[in-house]
Amino acid sequence: MKILVFEYITGGGFNKQTLSDSLAEEGRLMRSALLDNLTQLNQTRSNRLEITVMMDWRLNDSASMTGINTVIIRSENDITEEFARLVKQCDLVWPIAPEFDGILQNLCQTVESLGKILLTSPATAVAIAGNKLKTYERLNRHHIAAVPTRIFENIYSPGEWMVKPVDGVGCADSYVLTTGQDFERMATQKGQYVMQPHLQGAKTSLSCLFKQGSGWLVCANLQRFEFIQQQYHLTDIVVNHHPDFGRYQPLIDKIARALPELWGYVGIDLIESDHDCMAATAPVSLAAFPPSMEVKSGGTTPWTGEVESRLEQRSRATQGAIADDCMDAGGRAMQGAIAETWVLEINPRLTTSFVGIYDALGINIAEAVLQLVHGEPILNPAYNTPITVQAQQETHAS
């Protein structure tokens, strides 16, 4: 069978414009990791895959790709036409692309319309997960705790607010606003932005597989950031940081049911706020969270009541489980921390965390995704260790 790999940044998606070094390096890491997975898979398969990869002429390192067909994309080429031409020649297609401007959605739609096997979530899933407002609305409708999200308006409310493009990737165009002047400056930006309360807590990303309403956790990863001039900058990701799979699988199951369109590898970004076990059985309120997300009742913030309501609902829904978690084997109360988990966003594509999965667990994600085509994935870690992946500073796709 023939498989086409198209990583948008390194594969010619920016063939008619200047190429950012950091974007190119991040794309190269994901492309190389996927090609390594596929090459390793070929070593154990009797029915070998014929691999083709698209490559920007400025990043031509085809000499190092033994056994892989490379197609060079030059500035005069129409990337949409070239992609469609190559899709027609292959059986399987694995695009890696950003969601902004409908890029990933359109690539997926092209593959589907040509009747080829798409090894990522379909265009219908990208249309939801690639839009932060639609993602929030879908999760909220299914009673999954997600960071409250609405379209940005130049109406200042006291507190700290995260503002980001509705279909953005990473942190490059995301800002924390705290003053009326911040709101006024933000209002001059072009494009559609959403705003969210700025929640504090551990930034966790989950590497998962999905298929038709079922979900499997591959590993949980810790994202580490610097905060400079009102912006977060990802410094690194500790892949396979959290070994406790039982902590996240119920959430993944809920997301799978809420978004049955998801398929293949998906990254889920979370914010986890820790609370002391001794206070855990009390109703959760805004006061239990850092000041950056507190909003006074009766203020002008459109979702003040919504945030409070969501916290109260989560408290009632999890109160029994929290109490159990705070008991030792003898049923005695113990001190400790539990996490209030909020879904920040869902990435229906390979993410930077994917780069470290094979070294952390020995799991070949390409093999697992191909298994999804006809059944369920077999996820048997060969080893279990955390691996740190350094991030590029201009942006990230966690």
Foldseek 3Di string as FASTA:
>chain_A
DEEEEEELLFQCVQQQHDRDPQVNVLSVLVVVLQLVLLVVVQVVDPPHYAAEYGGEPVPDPCVPVPRHHYDYDHSPDDVVVVLLVVLLVGQEYAYHYAPPPNPVLVSLVSNVVSPHHYLFQHSVLSVQQQFQQSVVVLCVVLLAFAFDKDWQDLDDAAFWKWKDARRDFFWQGIFIDGDSVSSVVVVPDDHIMMMTQDFAAWKKKWKWFAAQLAIDTLAIKTWDWDQDPRTTWTFKIWTRPDVPPVVCRVVRSSVCNSRVSGGAIKMWIKGWDKDKLVCLLPQDAPVRGDRRRDHDPPTPPPCNVVVRVSSRVVSVVCNVVSQVVQADPVRHGHIDIDIDMHTHGMGRHDFSSSSCSCVAFVDSSVQQSVCSVPHHGDRDGPHHHIDMDGHRGNGGRD
